[in-house]
Structures are given as structure tokens and as C-alpha cells.
Amino acid sequence: MVEDRGAHLRKVPFVKLKDQAKGEHVEVGGRRGTISTILLPLPSGGVQVVIQGFLKHRFLPGSSVALDGFYRYPDETIAPMSKEDFWDFD
């Protein structure tokens, strides 16, 4: 689900990304979770887009996390996030 939302957001024009920040509750196989779309402005005028999903474990306490994200710039270019870029989100 997180990767699907990331793929969708990569197709959204830069000027419309600001309207995409949201959070939602989901259920997968009886497990509850959340998916959040986080938009952070960059000094360059671009935006960092992070899709963050948490899904509660079935039998143990805690949650699993899934992340996707990228950098988007006003000229419509996209740059990937490195593994280290995700560390603040898990």
C-alpha cells in the first residue's frame, strides 16, 4: 500500500503535491495501521515526500513500518531518497 501511494504521488505535478499531505487508518488481514503522507519543504524550493506506514503486529506488541519517499522539485524532476534519509521516519 505504501509503495502504491508512492508510485501515485510520483505522478502528481509539483504544484498539486501540497494538497496530498494526509493520514489514514487502514486494516490489512485484521491488523490495524496507519499510512501518512508527509511533505517537508526543502531550502531549494522543492519538497521531500515521505509515505510512512505502520501496521500493528498480529501477536506481539509493537508495529512494523514501511517507508517510501522521494524529493520533488519545481521543475518536475524527482530524486530518490537514500536509506539514511529514511532514518528519521522509522
C-alpha atoms as a PDB file:
ATOM      1  CA  MET A   1       0.000   0.000   0.000  1.00  0.00           C
ATOM      2  CA  VAL A   2       2.828   2.399   0.841  1.00  0.00           C
ATOM      3  CA  GLU A   3       4.623   1.689  -2.440  1.00  0.00           C
ATOM      4  CA  ASP A   4       1.374   2.142  -4.400  1.00  0.00           C
ATOM      5  CA  ARG A   5       0.822   5.555  -2.825  1.00  0.00           C
ATOM      6  CA  GLY A   6       4.432   6.498  -3.551  1.00  0.00           C
ATOM      7  CA  ALA A   7       4.040   5.483  -7.196  1.00  0.00           C
ATOM      8  CA  HIS A   8       0.867   7.578  -7.427  1.00  0.00           C
ATOM      9  CA  LEU A   9       2.487  10.634  -5.819  1.00  0.00           C
ATOM     10  CA  ARG A  10       5.430  10.488  -8.223  1.00  0.00           C
ATOM     11  CA  LYS A  11       2.898  11.221 -11.000  1.00  0.00           C
ATOM     12  CA  VAL A  12       1.279  14.188  -9.228  1.00  0.00           C
ATOM     13  CA  PRO A  13       2.530  17.566 -10.543  1.00  0.00           C
ATOM     14  CA  PHE A  14       4.690  19.582  -8.156  1.00  0.00           C
ATOM     15  CA  VAL A  15       2.092  22.351  -7.707  1.00  0.00           C
ATOM     16  CA  LYS A  16      -0.515  19.805  -6.561  1.00  0.00           C
ATOM     17  CA  LEU A  17       1.703  17.937  -4.077  1.00  0.00           C
ATOM     18  CA  LYS A  18       0.929  20.392  -1.262  1.00  0.00           C
ATOM     19  CA  ASP A  19      -2.654  19.105  -1.273  1.00  0.00           C
ATOM     20  CA  GLN A  20      -1.535  15.497  -0.770  1.00  0.00           C
ATOM     21  CA  ALA A  21      -0.441  15.584   2.891  1.00  0.00           C
ATOM     22  CA  LYS A  22      -2.782  13.314   4.825  1.00  0.00           C
ATOM     23  CA  GLY A  23      -3.124  10.444   7.225  1.00  0.00           C
ATOM     24  CA  GLU A  24      -5.472   7.487   7.058  1.00  0.00           C
ATOM     25  CA  HIS A  25      -6.349   4.405   9.031  1.00  0.00           C
ATOM     26  CA  VAL A  26      -6.078   1.060   7.236  1.00  0.00           C
ATOM     27  CA  GLU A  27      -6.732  -2.583   8.006  1.00  0.00           C
ATOM     28  CA  VAL A  28      -4.810  -5.446   6.419  1.00  0.00           C
ATOM     29  CA  GLY A  29      -5.738  -9.020   7.263  1.00  0.00           C
ATOM     30  CA  GLY A  30      -7.363  -7.928  10.516  1.00  0.00           C
ATOM     31  CA  ARG A  31      -4.326  -5.861  11.513  1.00  0.00           C
ATOM     32  CA  ARG A  32      -4.838  -2.143  12.078  1.00  0.00           C
ATOM     33  CA  GLY A  33      -2.451   0.506  10.895  1.00  0.00           C
ATOM     34  CA  THR A  34      -1.946   3.991   9.558  1.00  0.00           C
ATOM     35  CA  ILE A  35      -0.487   5.469   6.411  1.00  0.00           C
ATOM     36  CA  SER A  36       0.705   9.071   6.462  1.00  0.00           C
ATOM     37  CA  THR A  37       1.897  11.261   3.622  1.00  0.00           C
ATOM     38  CA  ILE A  38       4.458  13.743   4.932  1.00  0.00           C
ATOM     39  CA  LEU A  39       5.578  16.765   2.904  1.00  0.00           C
ATOM     40  CA  LEU A  40       8.619  18.715   4.086  1.00  0.00           C
ATOM     41  CA  PRO A  41       9.811  21.884   2.314  1.00  0.00           C
ATOM     42  CA  LEU A  42      13.411  21.994   1.118  1.00  0.00           C
ATOM     43  CA  PRO A  43      15.659  25.096   1.068  1.00  0.00           C
ATOM     44  CA  SER A  44      15.903  24.679  -2.725  1.00  0.00           C
ATOM     45  CA  GLY A  45      12.154  25.242  -3.100  1.00  0.00           C
ATOM     46  CA  GLY A  46      11.493  21.550  -3.569  1.00  0.00           C
ATOM     47  CA  VAL A  47       9.703  19.159  -1.261  1.00  0.00           C
ATOM     48  CA  GLN A  48      10.601  15.896   0.452  1.00  0.00           C
ATOM     49  CA  VAL A  49       7.717  13.440   0.142  1.00  0.00           C
ATOM     50  CA  VAL A  50       7.598  10.554   2.635  1.00  0.00           C
ATOM     51  CA  ILE A  51       4.908   7.885   2.779  1.00  0.00           C
ATOM     52  CA  GLN A  52       5.040   6.214   6.195  1.00  0.00           C
ATOM     53  CA  GLY A  53       3.008   3.139   7.077  1.00  0.00           C
ATOM     54  CA  PHE A  54       2.675   1.466  10.464  1.00  0.00           C
ATOM     55  CA  LEU A  55       0.917  -1.887  10.863  1.00  0.00           C
ATOM     56  CA  LYS A  56       0.389  -3.463  14.286  1.00  0.00           C
ATOM     57  CA  HIS A  57       1.927  -6.913  14.803  1.00  0.00           C
ATOM     58  CA  ARG A  58      -0.589  -9.722  14.985  1.00  0.00           C
ATOM     59  CA  PHE A  59       0.582 -11.446  18.180  1.00  0.00           C
ATOM     60  CA  LEU A  60       3.360  -9.300  19.650  1.00  0.00           C
ATOM     61  CA  PRO A  61       3.309  -5.721  20.881  1.00  0.00           C
ATOM     62  CA  GLY A  62       4.591  -3.083  18.502  1.00  0.00           C
ATOM     63  CA  SER A  63       4.286  -2.265  14.837  1.00  0.00           C
ATOM     64  CA  SER A  64       6.036  -2.865  11.541  1.00  0.00           C
ATOM     65  CA  VAL A  65       6.977   0.165   9.463  1.00  0.00           C
ATOM     66  CA  ALA A  66       7.037   0.577   5.678  1.00  0.00           C
ATOM     67  CA  LEU A  67       8.510   3.662   4.025  1.00  0.00           C
ATOM     68  CA  ASP A  68       8.676   5.150   0.565  1.00  0.00           C
ATOM     69  CA  GLY A  69       9.747   8.599  -0.468  1.00  0.00           C
ATOM     70  CA  PHE A  70      11.454  10.931  -2.883  1.00  0.00           C
ATOM     71  CA  TYR A  71      12.451  14.546  -3.469  1.00  0.00           C
ATOM     72  CA  ARG A  72      10.406  16.612  -5.936  1.00  0.00           C
ATOM     73  CA  TYR A  73      11.448  19.949  -7.393  1.00  0.00           C
ATOM     74  CA  PRO A  74       9.525  22.805  -9.057  1.00  0.00           C
ATOM     75  CA  ASP A  75      10.974  21.857 -12.465  1.00  0.00           C
ATOM     76  CA  GLU A  76       9.207  18.453 -12.025  1.00  0.00           C
ATOM     77  CA  THR A  77      12.441  16.498 -11.528  1.00  0.00           C
ATOM     78  CA  ILE A  78      12.461  13.713  -8.952  1.00  0.00           C
ATOM     79  CA  ALA A  79      15.380  12.418  -6.905  1.00  0.00           C
ATOM     80  CA  PRO A  80      15.378   9.258  -4.774  1.00  0.00           C
ATOM     81  CA  MET A  81      15.859   9.268  -1.023  1.00  0.00           C
ATOM     82  CA  SER A  82      18.825   7.342   0.354  1.00  0.00           C
ATOM     83  CA  LYS A  83      18.461   4.750   3.110  1.00  0.00           C
ATOM     84  CA  GLU A  84      19.922   7.258   5.543  1.00  0.00           C
ATOM     85  CA  ASP A  85      17.245   9.812   4.573  1.00  0.00           C
ATOM     86  CA  PHE A  86      14.582   7.446   5.939  1.00  0.00           C
ATOM     87  CA  TRP A  87      16.169   7.047   9.379  1.00  0.00           C
ATOM     88  CA  ASP A  88      14.183   9.922  10.887  1.00  0.00           C
ATOM     89  CA  PHE A  89      10.903   8.283   9.848  1.00  0.00           C
ATOM     90  CA  ASP A  90      11.082   4.728  11.251  1.00  0.00           C
END
